[in-house]
Every structure is written in C-alpha cells, then in structure tokens.
N, C-alpha and C. Protein backbone atom coordinates (compact mmCIF):
# COMPACT_ATOMS: atom_id res chain seq x y z
N UNK A 1 -4.92 9.26 2.88
CA UNK A 1 -4.89 8.97 1.63
C UNK A 1 -6.11 9.87 -0.11
N UNK A 2 -5.98 10.49 -0.08
CA UNK A 2 -6.76 12.31 -0.37
C UNK A 2 -6.96 10.70 -1.76
N UNK A 3 -8.36 11.13 -2.45
CA UNK A 3 -9.02 10.19 -3.71
C UNK A 3 -8.51 11.08 -4.63
N UNK A 4 -8.42 10.83 -5.81
CA UNK A 4 -6.91 10.73 -7.23
C UNK A 4 -7.95 10.49 -8.33
N UNK A 5 -8.55 11.41 -9.11
CA UNK A 5 -8.89 10.98 -10.44
C UNK A 5 -8.47 11.30 -11.68
N UNK A 6 -8.25 10.74 -12.88
CA UNK A 6 -7.26 11.23 -13.69
C UNK A 6 -8.33 11.00 -14.99
N UNK A 7 -8.33 11.88 -15.61
CA UNK A 7 -8.89 11.90 -17.05
C UNK A 7 -7.99 11.41 -18.31
N UNK A 8 -8.35 10.42 -18.53
CA UNK A 8 -7.27 9.61 -19.87
C UNK A 8 -7.94 8.99 -20.96
N UNK A 9 -6.89 9.75 -22.10
CA UNK A 9 -7.26 8.62 -23.38
C UNK A 9 -6.51 7.29 -23.90
N UNK A 10 -6.91 6.65 -24.26
CA UNK A 10 -5.91 5.50 -25.39
C UNK A 10 -4.78 5.64 -25.77
N UNK A 11 -3.81 5.28 -25.36
CA UNK A 11 -2.21 5.68 -26.56
C UNK A 11 -1.64 7.07 -26.27
N UNK A 12 -2.39 7.78 -25.06
CA UNK A 12 -1.57 8.66 -25.06
C UNK A 12 -0.57 8.80 -23.51
N UNK A 13 0.99 8.97 -24.18
CA UNK A 13 1.68 8.34 -23.49
C UNK A 13 1.59 9.36 -22.41
N UNK A 14 1.03 10.95 -22.07
CA UNK A 14 1.39 11.15 -20.88
C UNK A 14 0.66 10.29 -19.38
N UNK A 15 -0.78 10.04 -20.45
CA UNK A 15 -1.16 9.39 -19.77
C UNK A 15 -0.67 8.50 -19.23
N UNK A 16 -0.50 7.27 -19.65
CA UNK A 16 0.62 6.35 -18.91
C UNK A 16 1.63 6.48 -18.03
N UNK A 17 2.20 7.96 -18.70
CA UNK A 17 3.15 8.00 -17.63
C UNK A 17 2.71 8.78 -16.01
N UNK A 18 1.68 9.56 -15.98
CA UNK A 18 0.81 9.95 -14.85
C UNK A 18 0.66 8.58 -14.37
N UNK A 19 -0.22 7.42 -15.15
CA UNK A 19 -0.41 6.45 -14.15
C UNK A 19 0.69 5.84 -13.72
N UNK A 20 1.89 5.94 -14.03
CA UNK A 20 3.07 4.87 -13.35
C UNK A 20 3.55 5.44 -12.29
N UNK A 21 3.80 7.40 -12.07
CA UNK A 21 4.34 7.81 -11.42
C UNK A 21 2.79 7.12 -10.42
N UNK A 22 1.38 7.51 -10.68
CA UNK A 22 0.98 7.38 -9.30
C UNK A 22 0.79 5.40 -8.89
N UNK A 23 0.79 4.61 -9.91
CA UNK A 23 0.55 2.82 -9.64
C UNK A 23 2.85 2.86 -8.64
N UNK A 24 3.05 4.17 -8.89
CA UNK A 24 4.75 3.38 -8.67
C UNK A 24 4.45 4.14 -7.39
N UNK A 25 3.92 4.87 -6.58
CA UNK A 25 3.54 5.64 -5.21
C UNK A 25 2.40 4.87 -4.70
N UNK A 26 2.25 3.75 -5.06
CA UNK A 26 0.76 3.10 -5.28
C UNK A 26 0.17 3.51 -4.49
N UNK A 27 -1.14 4.71 -5.44
CA UNK A 27 -1.80 5.05 -5.16
C UNK A 27 -3.11 5.04 -5.98
N UNK A 28 -4.23 4.83 -5.47
CA UNK A 28 -5.01 3.84 -6.06
C UNK A 28 -5.86 5.28 -6.19
N UNK A 29 -6.32 5.37 -8.08
CA UNK A 29 -7.10 6.69 -8.34
C UNK A 29 -8.30 6.70 -9.44
N UNK A 30 -9.29 7.15 -9.93
CA UNK A 30 -10.35 6.30 -10.78
C UNK A 30 -10.09 7.40 -11.30
N UNK A 31 -9.82 6.21 -12.56
CA UNK A 31 -9.85 6.80 -14.10
C UNK A 31 -11.06 7.01 -14.85
N UNK A 32 -10.85 8.07 -15.58
CA UNK A 32 -11.74 8.07 -16.83
C UNK A 32 -11.67 8.53 -18.04
N UNK A 33 -11.94 6.72 -18.41
CA UNK A 33 -11.63 7.48 -19.91
C UNK A 33 -12.69 8.62 -21.08
N UNK A 34 -12.00 9.29 -21.66
CA UNK A 34 -12.51 10.02 -22.16
C UNK A 34 -13.00 9.71 -23.80
N UNK A 35 -11.89 9.07 -24.49
CA UNK A 35 -12.32 8.54 -24.97
C UNK A 35 -13.43 7.08 -25.36
N UNK A 36 -13.76 6.47 -24.36
CA UNK A 36 -14.63 5.33 -23.96
C UNK A 36 -16.14 5.88 -23.60
N UNK A 37 -16.03 7.31 -22.88
CA UNK A 37 -16.65 7.99 -22.43
C UNK A 37 -16.71 9.53 -22.89
N UNK A 38 -16.91 9.79 -24.25
CA UNK A 38 -16.87 11.67 -24.94
C UNK A 38 -17.93 12.33 -23.99
N UNK A 39 -19.20 11.29 -23.39
CA UNK A 39 -19.97 12.73 -23.19
C UNK A 39 -19.21 13.05 -21.70
N UNK A 40 -18.29 13.01 -21.40
CA UNK A 40 -17.65 13.12 -19.99
C UNK A 40 -16.20 14.43 -20.46
N UNK A 41 -15.73 14.22 -21.25
CA UNK A 41 -15.17 15.60 -21.79
C UNK A 41 -15.59 16.74 -21.49
N UNK A 42 -16.35 17.29 -22.18
CA UNK A 42 -17.13 19.07 -21.22
C UNK A 42 -16.93 18.41 -19.90
N UNK A 43 -17.26 18.38 -19.02
CA UNK A 43 -17.03 17.71 -18.07
C UNK A 43 -15.57 18.27 -17.09
N UNK A 44 -14.95 17.71 -17.73
CA UNK A 44 -13.49 17.66 -17.85
C UNK A 44 -12.53 18.98 -17.93
N UNK A 45 -13.16 19.25 -19.18
CA UNK A 45 -12.38 20.18 -19.50
C UNK A 45 -13.35 21.80 -18.47
N UNK A 46 -14.49 21.76 -18.16
CA UNK A 46 -14.87 22.81 -17.17
C UNK A 46 -14.44 22.72 -16.39
N UNK A 47 -14.56 21.54 -15.56
CA UNK A 47 -13.74 21.18 -14.32
C UNK A 47 -11.80 21.38 -14.03
N UNK A 48 -10.98 21.49 -15.28
CA UNK A 48 -10.19 21.10 -15.84
C UNK A 48 -9.94 23.33 -15.87
N UNK A 49 -10.94 23.84 -15.73
CA UNK A 49 -10.41 25.10 -16.62
C UNK A 49 -10.70 25.63 -17.89
N UNK A 50 -11.34 24.55 -18.60
CA UNK A 50 -10.26 24.97 -20.06
C UNK A 50 -10.09 24.39 -20.90
N UNK A 51 -8.84 23.31 -19.77
CA UNK A 51 -8.03 23.18 -20.19
C UNK A 51 -8.49 21.94 -21.65
N UNK A 52 -7.92 21.19 -22.47
CA UNK A 52 -8.81 20.29 -23.40
C UNK A 52 -7.41 19.26 -23.30
N UNK A 53 -5.64 19.12 -23.06
CA UNK A 53 -5.59 18.19 -23.51
C UNK A 53 -5.28 16.89 -21.81
N UNK A 54 -5.14 15.72 -22.04
CA UNK A 54 -5.13 14.64 -21.62
C UNK A 54 -3.66 14.44 -21.00
N UNK A 55 -3.30 13.94 -20.01
CA UNK A 55 -4.45 13.87 -18.27
C UNK A 55 -4.75 15.24 -18.30
N UNK A 56 -5.87 15.08 -16.98
CA UNK A 56 -6.02 16.28 -16.56
C UNK A 56 -6.36 15.39 -14.93
N UNK A 57 -5.71 15.62 -14.35
CA UNK A 57 -5.01 14.96 -12.63
C UNK A 57 -6.16 15.95 -11.41
N UNK A 58 -7.20 15.13 -10.39
CA UNK A 58 -7.52 16.05 -10.13
C UNK A 58 -7.15 15.19 -8.20
N UNK A 59 -6.81 16.22 -7.56
CA UNK A 59 -6.53 15.40 -5.98
C UNK A 59 -6.74 16.04 -4.86
N UNK A 60 -7.78 15.27 -4.26
CA UNK A 60 -8.96 15.64 -3.23
C UNK A 60 -9.84 16.70 -4.12
N UNK A 61 -10.34 16.88 -5.24
CA UNK A 61 -11.01 17.54 -6.21
C UNK A 61 -10.20 19.03 -6.21
N UNK A 62 -9.01 18.74 -6.32
CA UNK A 62 -8.10 19.88 -6.34
C UNK A 62 -7.37 19.80 -8.05
N UNK A 63 -7.96 20.02 -8.71
CA UNK A 63 -6.96 20.32 -10.38
C UNK A 63 -5.65 21.00 -10.16
N UNK A 64 -4.86 19.78 -10.53
CA UNK A 64 -3.80 19.69 -10.11
C UNK A 64 -3.02 19.69 -11.69
N UNK A 65 -3.62 19.52 -13.06
CA UNK A 65 -3.23 19.81 -14.04
C UNK A 65 -3.12 18.77 -14.78
N UNK A 66 -1.70 18.26 -16.10
CA UNK A 66 -1.52 17.36 -16.53
C UNK A 66 -0.20 16.57 -15.82
N UNK A 67 0.13 16.13 -16.46
CA UNK A 67 1.69 15.16 -16.37
C UNK A 67 2.34 15.47 -16.76
N UNK A 68 2.95 16.86 -16.99
CA UNK A 68 4.15 17.63 -16.84
C UNK A 68 4.01 18.41 -15.35
N UNK A 69 3.04 19.13 -15.40
CA UNK A 69 2.35 19.45 -13.92
C UNK A 69 2.26 18.58 -12.32
N UNK A 70 2.12 17.16 -12.62
CA UNK A 70 1.94 16.90 -11.59
C UNK A 70 3.86 16.43 -11.46
N UNK A 71 4.62 16.32 -12.61
CA UNK A 71 5.84 15.15 -12.25
C UNK A 71 6.72 16.94 -11.68
N UNK A 72 6.47 17.85 -11.59
CA UNK A 72 7.18 18.45 -11.51
C UNK A 72 6.63 18.96 -9.68
N UNK A 73 5.31 19.18 -9.01
CA UNK A 73 4.92 18.94 -7.76
C UNK A 73 5.56 18.27 -6.99
N UNK A 74 6.16 16.42 -7.78
CA UNK A 74 6.57 15.38 -7.26
C UNK A 74 7.89 15.56 -6.87
N UNK A 75 8.82 16.27 -8.61
CA UNK A 75 10.05 17.06 -8.12
C UNK A 75 10.38 17.83 -6.58
N UNK A 76 9.83 18.79 -6.74
CA UNK A 76 9.52 19.52 -5.28
C UNK A 76 9.20 18.83 -4.34
N UNK A 77 8.67 18.04 -4.44
CA UNK A 77 8.15 17.22 -3.21
C UNK A 77 6.49 17.64 -2.82
N UNK A 78 6.69 18.27 -3.06
CA UNK A 78 4.62 18.78 -3.32
C UNK A 78 3.36 17.72 -2.97
N UNK A 79 3.97 16.37 -4.30
CA UNK A 79 2.91 15.83 -4.79
C UNK A 79 2.91 14.79 -3.50
N UNK A 80 3.48 14.23 -2.44
CA UNK A 80 3.12 13.35 -1.90
C UNK A 80 2.98 13.65 -0.47
N UNK A 81 2.85 15.90 -0.69
CA UNK A 81 1.80 15.86 0.25
C UNK A 81 1.02 16.54 0.24
N UNK A 82 0.11 16.70 -0.98
CA UNK A 82 -1.10 16.63 -1.75
C UNK A 82 -1.63 15.11 -1.34
N UNK A 83 -0.57 14.43 -1.40
CA UNK A 83 -1.62 12.63 -1.60
C UNK A 83 -2.06 12.05 -0.30
N UNK A 84 -1.24 13.02 0.79
CA UNK A 84 -1.30 12.18 1.99
C UNK A 84 -2.41 13.21 3.03
N UNK A 85 -2.77 14.20 2.37
CA UNK A 85 -3.56 14.77 3.16
C UNK A 85 -4.63 14.69 3.20
C-alpha cells in the first residue's frame, strides 16, 4: 500500500471527509495538523504547488490535491489504483 500524507486542521469538514474515506478504505496515513504545527504550513504550500487550503493529500509522494480531488479520483476508480501501487 502506498504511503499517504494528509495535511489538515481541526474543525475542517473537508479534512474530516477525506480522512473518513481513507479510514473506510482501511488506509493508514500520516496526518500533519498545521493548526498544531504552523511552522509546517509553508512546507505544505510548497509541496502543494501553492495551494493554501486543507486538506492537501499526497499519495506515494505525489500531490493529488484536496478532498474534492480525492473524491473525484475515487469516483473514477483511480484512487484505489494509486493507493495500491
């Protein structure tokens, strides 16, 4: 299974939804809470190509975007392929 990293904040409904999808697929992930570690926010922005919103999701080191992007990948069947590569 591919390594998954997700940058989040507390009380972010999109973060909750993204984690729910990953949990439902029984995917383990590294969660980086930028509200608890604000010094990591610039790193997230750089890795995400300038995107500043959360969540920002990475699978196997590849930026896939936010929650809506991940849901679109899931709907098209591509998310499982990325997760299992």
